[in-house]
N, C-alpha and C. Protein backbone atom coordinates (compact mmCIF):
# COMPACT_ATOMS: atom_id res chain seq x y z
N PRO A 1 -5.01 14.17 2.29
CA PRO A 1 -4.23 12.94 2.13
C PRO A 1 -5.08 11.69 2.37
N ILE A 2 -4.66 10.62 1.76
CA ILE A 2 -5.33 9.34 1.91
C ILE A 2 -4.31 8.34 2.43
N GLY A 3 -4.71 7.54 3.42
CA GLY A 3 -3.88 6.47 3.93
C GLY A 3 -4.64 5.16 3.90
N MET A 4 -4.04 4.14 3.34
CA MET A 4 -4.69 2.83 3.26
C MET A 4 -3.65 1.74 3.46
N CYS A 5 -4.09 0.63 4.04
CA CYS A 5 -3.19 -0.50 4.23
C CYS A 5 -3.95 -1.80 3.97
N CYS A 6 -3.19 -2.86 3.93
CA CYS A 6 -3.71 -4.21 3.68
C CYS A 6 -4.29 -4.27 2.26
N ILE A 7 -5.53 -4.70 2.11
CA ILE A 7 -6.15 -4.82 0.78
C ILE A 7 -6.75 -3.49 0.30
N ALA A 8 -6.93 -2.54 1.21
CA ALA A 8 -7.58 -1.27 0.87
C ALA A 8 -6.90 -0.48 -0.24
N PRO A 9 -5.58 -0.56 -0.45
CA PRO A 9 -5.00 0.16 -1.58
C PRO A 9 -5.60 -0.21 -2.93
N VAL A 10 -6.19 -1.38 -3.04
CA VAL A 10 -6.87 -1.76 -4.28
C VAL A 10 -8.03 -0.80 -4.56
N LEU A 11 -8.71 -0.37 -3.51
CA LEU A 11 -9.83 0.57 -3.68
C LEU A 11 -9.37 1.91 -4.23
N VAL A 12 -8.32 2.46 -3.62
CA VAL A 12 -7.82 3.75 -4.09
C VAL A 12 -7.23 3.61 -5.49
N ALA A 13 -6.67 2.46 -5.81
CA ALA A 13 -6.18 2.23 -7.17
C ALA A 13 -7.32 2.27 -8.17
N ARG A 14 -8.44 1.71 -7.80
CA ARG A 14 -9.60 1.70 -8.70
C ARG A 14 -10.17 3.10 -8.89
N VAL A 15 -10.26 3.84 -7.80
CA VAL A 15 -10.88 5.17 -7.84
C VAL A 15 -9.97 6.22 -8.48
N LEU A 16 -8.67 6.13 -8.23
CA LEU A 16 -7.75 7.16 -8.70
C LEU A 16 -6.81 6.70 -9.82
N ALA A 17 -7.13 5.60 -10.45
CA ALA A 17 -6.26 5.09 -11.52
C ALA A 17 -6.06 6.12 -12.62
N HIS A 18 -7.10 6.86 -12.95
CA HIS A 18 -6.99 7.85 -14.03
C HIS A 18 -6.05 9.02 -13.67
N HIS A 19 -5.65 9.09 -12.40
CA HIS A 19 -4.67 10.09 -11.96
C HIS A 19 -3.26 9.50 -11.87
N GLY A 20 -3.12 8.24 -12.26
CA GLY A 20 -1.82 7.59 -12.22
C GLY A 20 -1.33 7.27 -10.82
N VAL A 21 -2.27 6.95 -9.95
CA VAL A 21 -1.92 6.69 -8.55
C VAL A 21 -0.98 5.49 -8.41
N GLU A 22 -0.09 5.58 -7.42
CA GLU A 22 0.84 4.51 -7.08
C GLU A 22 0.52 4.01 -5.68
N VAL A 23 0.42 2.69 -5.52
CA VAL A 23 0.11 2.10 -4.22
C VAL A 23 0.94 0.83 -4.02
N THR A 24 0.90 0.32 -2.79
CA THR A 24 1.55 -0.97 -2.53
C THR A 24 0.63 -1.89 -1.73
N VAL A 25 0.73 -3.16 -2.02
CA VAL A 25 0.16 -4.23 -1.17
C VAL A 25 1.29 -5.18 -0.81
N GLY A 26 2.53 -4.66 -0.92
CA GLY A 26 3.70 -5.46 -0.57
C GLY A 26 4.36 -6.06 -1.79
N SER A 27 4.10 -7.32 -2.02
CA SER A 27 4.73 -8.07 -3.10
C SER A 27 3.78 -8.26 -4.28
N ASP A 28 4.36 -8.48 -5.44
CA ASP A 28 3.57 -8.84 -6.61
C ASP A 28 3.81 -10.30 -7.01
N GLN A 29 4.53 -11.03 -6.15
CA GLN A 29 4.82 -12.45 -6.39
C GLN A 29 4.17 -13.29 -5.30
N GLU A 30 3.26 -14.18 -5.68
CA GLU A 30 2.61 -15.02 -4.69
C GLU A 30 3.62 -15.98 -4.06
N SER A 31 3.49 -16.15 -2.75
CA SER A 31 4.37 -17.02 -1.97
C SER A 31 3.65 -17.34 -0.66
N GLU A 32 4.31 -18.12 0.17
CA GLU A 32 3.73 -18.40 1.49
C GLU A 32 3.54 -17.10 2.27
N ALA A 33 4.50 -16.21 2.16
CA ALA A 33 4.41 -14.94 2.87
C ALA A 33 3.37 -14.01 2.26
N TYR A 34 3.20 -14.06 0.95
CA TYR A 34 2.29 -13.16 0.25
C TYR A 34 1.30 -13.95 -0.62
N PRO A 35 0.36 -14.65 0.00
CA PRO A 35 -0.58 -15.46 -0.78
C PRO A 35 -1.60 -14.62 -1.57
N TYR A 36 -1.71 -13.32 -1.23
CA TYR A 36 -2.68 -12.46 -1.89
C TYR A 36 -2.01 -11.47 -2.83
N ALA A 37 -0.79 -11.78 -3.26
CA ALA A 37 -0.03 -10.88 -4.12
C ALA A 37 -0.72 -10.64 -5.46
N GLY A 38 -1.67 -11.47 -5.80
CA GLY A 38 -2.44 -11.25 -7.02
C GLY A 38 -3.18 -9.93 -7.02
N ALA A 39 -3.34 -9.34 -5.85
CA ALA A 39 -3.97 -8.02 -5.76
C ALA A 39 -3.17 -6.99 -6.54
N ALA A 40 -1.85 -7.19 -6.63
CA ALA A 40 -1.02 -6.28 -7.42
C ALA A 40 -1.44 -6.31 -8.89
N GLY A 41 -1.85 -7.46 -9.37
CA GLY A 41 -2.35 -7.57 -10.74
C GLY A 41 -3.65 -6.82 -10.94
N ALA A 42 -4.51 -6.87 -9.92
CA ALA A 42 -5.76 -6.11 -9.99
C ALA A 42 -5.48 -4.61 -10.05
N ILE A 43 -4.53 -4.17 -9.24
CA ILE A 43 -4.13 -2.76 -9.24
C ILE A 43 -3.68 -2.34 -10.64
N ALA A 44 -2.81 -3.15 -11.23
CA ALA A 44 -2.32 -2.85 -12.58
C ALA A 44 -3.44 -2.88 -13.61
N SER A 45 -4.40 -3.79 -13.44
CA SER A 45 -5.50 -3.90 -14.41
C SER A 45 -6.39 -2.66 -14.42
N PHE A 46 -6.39 -1.92 -13.32
CA PHE A 46 -7.17 -0.67 -13.25
C PHE A 46 -6.43 0.48 -13.92
N GLY A 47 -5.13 0.29 -14.18
CA GLY A 47 -4.32 1.35 -14.75
C GLY A 47 -3.49 2.09 -13.72
N ALA A 48 -3.52 1.64 -12.49
CA ALA A 48 -2.70 2.22 -11.43
C ALA A 48 -1.36 1.49 -11.39
N LYS A 49 -0.43 1.99 -10.59
CA LYS A 49 0.89 1.37 -10.50
C LYS A 49 1.07 0.73 -9.13
N HIS A 50 1.48 -0.54 -9.12
CA HIS A 50 1.84 -1.20 -7.87
C HIS A 50 3.34 -1.09 -7.67
N VAL A 51 3.73 -0.72 -6.45
CA VAL A 51 5.14 -0.58 -6.09
C VAL A 51 5.46 -1.64 -5.04
N VAL A 52 6.43 -2.49 -5.32
CA VAL A 52 6.84 -3.52 -4.36
C VAL A 52 7.58 -2.84 -3.21
N LYS A 53 7.14 -3.13 -1.99
CA LYS A 53 7.73 -2.55 -0.79
C LYS A 53 7.86 -3.61 0.28
N PRO A 54 8.90 -3.53 1.11
CA PRO A 54 8.99 -4.44 2.25
C PRO A 54 7.92 -4.09 3.29
N LEU A 55 7.61 -5.03 4.12
CA LEU A 55 6.53 -4.89 5.10
C LEU A 55 6.64 -3.63 5.95
N GLY A 56 7.82 -3.28 6.39
CA GLY A 56 7.98 -2.17 7.32
C GLY A 56 7.96 -0.78 6.71
N GLU A 57 7.82 -0.70 5.40
CA GLU A 57 7.85 0.60 4.72
C GLU A 57 6.50 0.92 4.10
N ALA A 58 6.16 2.20 4.12
CA ALA A 58 4.99 2.68 3.40
C ALA A 58 5.44 3.23 2.06
N HIS A 59 4.56 3.19 1.08
CA HIS A 59 4.84 3.86 -0.19
C HIS A 59 4.04 5.16 -0.20
N VAL A 60 4.70 6.24 -0.58
CA VAL A 60 4.04 7.54 -0.66
C VAL A 60 4.00 7.98 -2.11
N ASP A 61 2.81 8.20 -2.61
CA ASP A 61 2.59 8.79 -3.92
C ASP A 61 2.41 10.29 -3.66
N VAL A 62 3.49 11.02 -3.82
CA VAL A 62 3.49 12.44 -3.48
C VAL A 62 2.49 13.21 -4.34
N ALA A 63 2.46 12.92 -5.63
CA ALA A 63 1.59 13.66 -6.56
C ALA A 63 0.12 13.54 -6.19
N ASN A 64 -0.29 12.35 -5.73
CA ASN A 64 -1.70 12.13 -5.41
C ASN A 64 -1.99 12.17 -3.92
N ARG A 65 -0.94 12.39 -3.10
CA ARG A 65 -1.07 12.49 -1.64
C ARG A 65 -1.71 11.23 -1.05
N VAL A 66 -1.15 10.09 -1.44
CA VAL A 66 -1.64 8.78 -0.98
C VAL A 66 -0.47 8.01 -0.36
N ALA A 67 -0.69 7.50 0.85
CA ALA A 67 0.29 6.63 1.51
C ALA A 67 -0.34 5.26 1.72
N THR A 68 0.38 4.21 1.37
CA THR A 68 -0.14 2.85 1.52
C THR A 68 0.93 1.95 2.12
N SER A 69 0.47 0.89 2.78
CA SER A 69 1.40 -0.10 3.34
C SER A 69 0.78 -1.49 3.30
N THR A 70 1.65 -2.47 3.48
CA THR A 70 1.30 -3.88 3.30
C THR A 70 0.38 -4.44 4.37
N ALA A 71 0.74 -4.25 5.63
CA ALA A 71 0.01 -4.76 6.80
C ALA A 71 -0.30 -6.26 6.66
N TYR A 72 -1.55 -6.63 6.77
CA TYR A 72 -1.94 -8.05 6.80
C TYR A 72 -1.84 -8.77 5.46
N MET A 73 -1.39 -8.10 4.41
CA MET A 73 -1.16 -8.80 3.15
C MET A 73 0.01 -9.77 3.28
N CYS A 74 0.86 -9.54 4.27
CA CYS A 74 1.95 -10.46 4.58
C CYS A 74 1.43 -11.49 5.57
N ASN A 75 1.34 -12.71 5.14
CA ASN A 75 0.70 -13.78 5.90
C ASN A 75 1.57 -14.38 7.00
N THR A 76 2.87 -14.13 6.96
CA THR A 76 3.77 -14.81 7.90
C THR A 76 4.39 -13.88 8.94
N ALA A 77 4.09 -12.61 8.89
CA ALA A 77 4.71 -11.64 9.81
C ALA A 77 4.09 -11.70 11.20
N PRO A 78 4.92 -11.53 12.22
CA PRO A 78 4.38 -11.42 13.57
C PRO A 78 3.59 -10.11 13.71
N ILE A 79 2.69 -10.08 14.67
CA ILE A 79 1.76 -8.95 14.82
C ILE A 79 2.49 -7.62 15.00
N HIS A 80 3.62 -7.61 15.68
CA HIS A 80 4.31 -6.33 15.86
C HIS A 80 4.84 -5.77 14.54
N GLU A 81 5.18 -6.63 13.60
CA GLU A 81 5.62 -6.15 12.29
C GLU A 81 4.44 -5.62 11.47
N ILE A 82 3.28 -6.23 11.65
CA ILE A 82 2.07 -5.71 11.00
C ILE A 82 1.79 -4.31 11.54
N GLY A 83 1.90 -4.16 12.85
CA GLY A 83 1.69 -2.85 13.47
C GLY A 83 2.68 -1.81 12.97
N GLU A 84 3.93 -2.20 12.78
CA GLU A 84 4.94 -1.28 12.26
C GLU A 84 4.61 -0.84 10.83
N SER A 85 4.03 -1.75 10.06
CA SER A 85 3.61 -1.43 8.70
C SER A 85 2.51 -0.37 8.71
N VAL A 86 1.53 -0.57 9.56
CA VAL A 86 0.44 0.40 9.68
C VAL A 86 0.98 1.74 10.19
N GLU A 87 1.85 1.67 11.19
CA GLU A 87 2.44 2.88 11.75
C GLU A 87 3.21 3.67 10.69
N ALA A 88 3.93 3.00 9.83
CA ALA A 88 4.67 3.68 8.76
C ALA A 88 3.72 4.45 7.86
N MET A 89 2.59 3.85 7.54
CA MET A 89 1.60 4.52 6.69
C MET A 89 1.01 5.73 7.41
N VAL A 90 0.64 5.55 8.68
CA VAL A 90 0.05 6.65 9.46
C VAL A 90 1.04 7.81 9.57
N GLU A 91 2.29 7.51 9.80
CA GLU A 91 3.31 8.58 9.90
C GLU A 91 3.41 9.37 8.61
N GLU A 92 3.33 8.69 7.48
CA GLU A 92 3.41 9.38 6.19
C GLU A 92 2.17 10.25 5.95
N VAL A 93 1.01 9.77 6.36
CA VAL A 93 -0.21 10.58 6.24
C VAL A 93 -0.09 11.82 7.13
N ALA A 94 0.41 11.64 8.34
CA ALA A 94 0.57 12.77 9.26
C ALA A 94 1.52 13.82 8.67
N LYS A 95 2.58 13.38 8.01
CA LYS A 95 3.50 14.32 7.36
C LYS A 95 2.78 15.14 6.29
N MET A 96 1.94 14.45 5.51
CA MET A 96 1.21 15.15 4.46
C MET A 96 0.21 16.13 5.03
N VAL A 97 -0.44 15.77 6.13
CA VAL A 97 -1.38 16.68 6.79
C VAL A 97 -0.65 17.93 7.27
N ALA A 98 0.51 17.72 7.85
CA ALA A 98 1.30 18.85 8.37
C ALA A 98 1.76 19.79 7.24
N GLU A 99 1.99 19.23 6.06
CA GLU A 99 2.42 20.03 4.91
C GLU A 99 1.29 20.83 4.32
N LYS A 100 0.07 20.38 4.51
CA LYS A 100 -1.14 20.97 3.93
C LYS A 100 -1.03 20.90 2.45
């Protein structure tokens, strides 16, 4: 399994695009909260799929065994919410590890 958060899902999108990987960096609409939402466009340009997710949720691409979350891509969230985002991703990776 692969787990990535913040801007790192762009890397897995680039490497695994030919497998139809799905990832999230949170929003695909730039705003005060998501000033780096343009990363979703980069993900799409590689041929991967960006999935819009709220900060506290991870996206799991079951087929490719990849879990991603927003984390610091959200510019306005308090630190504990960033931590919850990372924790959601880690929990999903742990589930995949347990499944083998």
